[in-house]
Amino acid sequence: MELVFSVTQEADGGFVAECLSHDIFTQGDNWAEMRANVSEAVSAYFFDQPKPASIRLHLVRDEVMACA
């Protein structure tokens, strides 16, 4: 099983990660911290179940451009 997280970058530079198939949410001030928090959150969620084989982090970039 693979878990997929949708990751967005906040205006303050931090990251928010949301699992698309389970109720797992976490965040971090930077990419490394967010990755560590995702791993910890997944371990906590699956503490009494088999853990997924892999975790995919899908960075969603939302950019607004002016049309001049």
Protein backbone atom coordinates (compact mmCIF):
# COMPACT_ATOMS: atom_id res chain seq x y z
CA MET A 1 0.00 0.00 0.00
CA GLU A 2 1.18 3.53 -0.79
CA LEU A 3 -0.14 6.64 0.96
CA VAL A 4 -0.32 9.84 -1.08
CA PHE A 5 -0.12 13.23 0.63
CA SER A 6 -1.06 16.49 -1.02
CA VAL A 7 1.47 19.08 0.17
CA THR A 8 0.94 22.83 -0.11
CA GLN A 9 3.28 25.64 0.83
CA GLU A 10 1.81 28.30 3.09
CA ALA A 11 2.38 32.05 2.66
CA ASP A 12 4.74 32.02 5.66
CA GLY A 13 6.95 29.40 3.98
CA GLY A 14 5.77 26.39 5.97
CA PHE A 15 4.22 23.26 4.48
CA VAL A 16 0.91 21.48 5.13
CA ALA A 17 0.45 17.80 4.22
CA GLU A 18 -2.91 16.04 3.89
CA CYS A 19 -3.31 12.34 3.17
CA LEU A 20 -5.75 11.72 0.31
CA SER A 21 -7.02 8.36 1.57
CA HIS A 22 -6.90 8.58 5.38
CA ASP A 23 -7.54 11.25 8.00
CA ILE A 24 -3.89 12.18 8.46
CA PHE A 25 -2.83 15.83 8.50
CA THR A 26 0.42 17.47 9.56
CA GLN A 27 2.63 20.46 8.89
CA GLY A 28 6.18 21.72 9.24
CA ASP A 29 8.09 24.97 9.13
CA ASN A 30 10.30 23.61 6.34
CA TRP A 31 10.39 20.63 3.96
CA ALA A 32 12.59 18.46 6.21
CA GLU A 33 10.42 19.08 9.27
CA MET A 34 7.24 18.38 7.31
CA ARG A 35 8.69 15.08 6.01
CA ALA A 36 9.61 14.00 9.53
CA ASN A 37 6.14 14.97 10.78
CA VAL A 38 4.46 12.99 7.98
CA SER A 39 6.46 9.91 8.92
CA GLU A 40 5.60 10.34 12.60
CA ALA A 41 1.89 10.94 11.86
CA VAL A 42 1.69 7.84 9.65
CA SER A 43 3.38 5.71 12.32
CA ALA A 44 0.95 7.00 14.94
CA TYR A 45 -2.09 6.43 12.71
CA PHE A 46 -1.06 2.85 11.89
CA PHE A 47 0.31 2.02 15.37
CA ASP A 48 -1.76 -1.20 15.64
CA GLN A 49 -1.94 -2.05 11.91
CA PRO A 50 0.52 -2.92 9.16
CA LYS A 51 2.24 0.24 7.98
CA PRO A 52 2.14 1.28 4.31
CA ALA A 53 5.04 0.27 2.10
CA SER A 54 5.67 3.84 0.92
CA ILE A 55 4.56 7.45 1.25
CA ARG A 56 4.29 9.76 -1.76
CA LEU A 57 4.48 13.53 -1.18
CA HIS A 58 2.78 15.42 -4.01
CA LEU A 59 3.72 19.12 -3.89
CA VAL A 60 0.87 21.26 -5.18
CA ARG A 61 1.98 24.68 -6.35
CA ASP A 62 -0.59 27.42 -6.63
CA GLU A 63 0.74 30.46 -8.47
CA VAL A 64 -1.13 33.58 -9.53
CA MET A 65 0.34 35.63 -12.36
CA ALA A 66 -0.70 39.09 -13.46
CA CYS A 67 -1.84 39.49 -17.04
CA ALA A 68 -0.38 42.78 -18.24
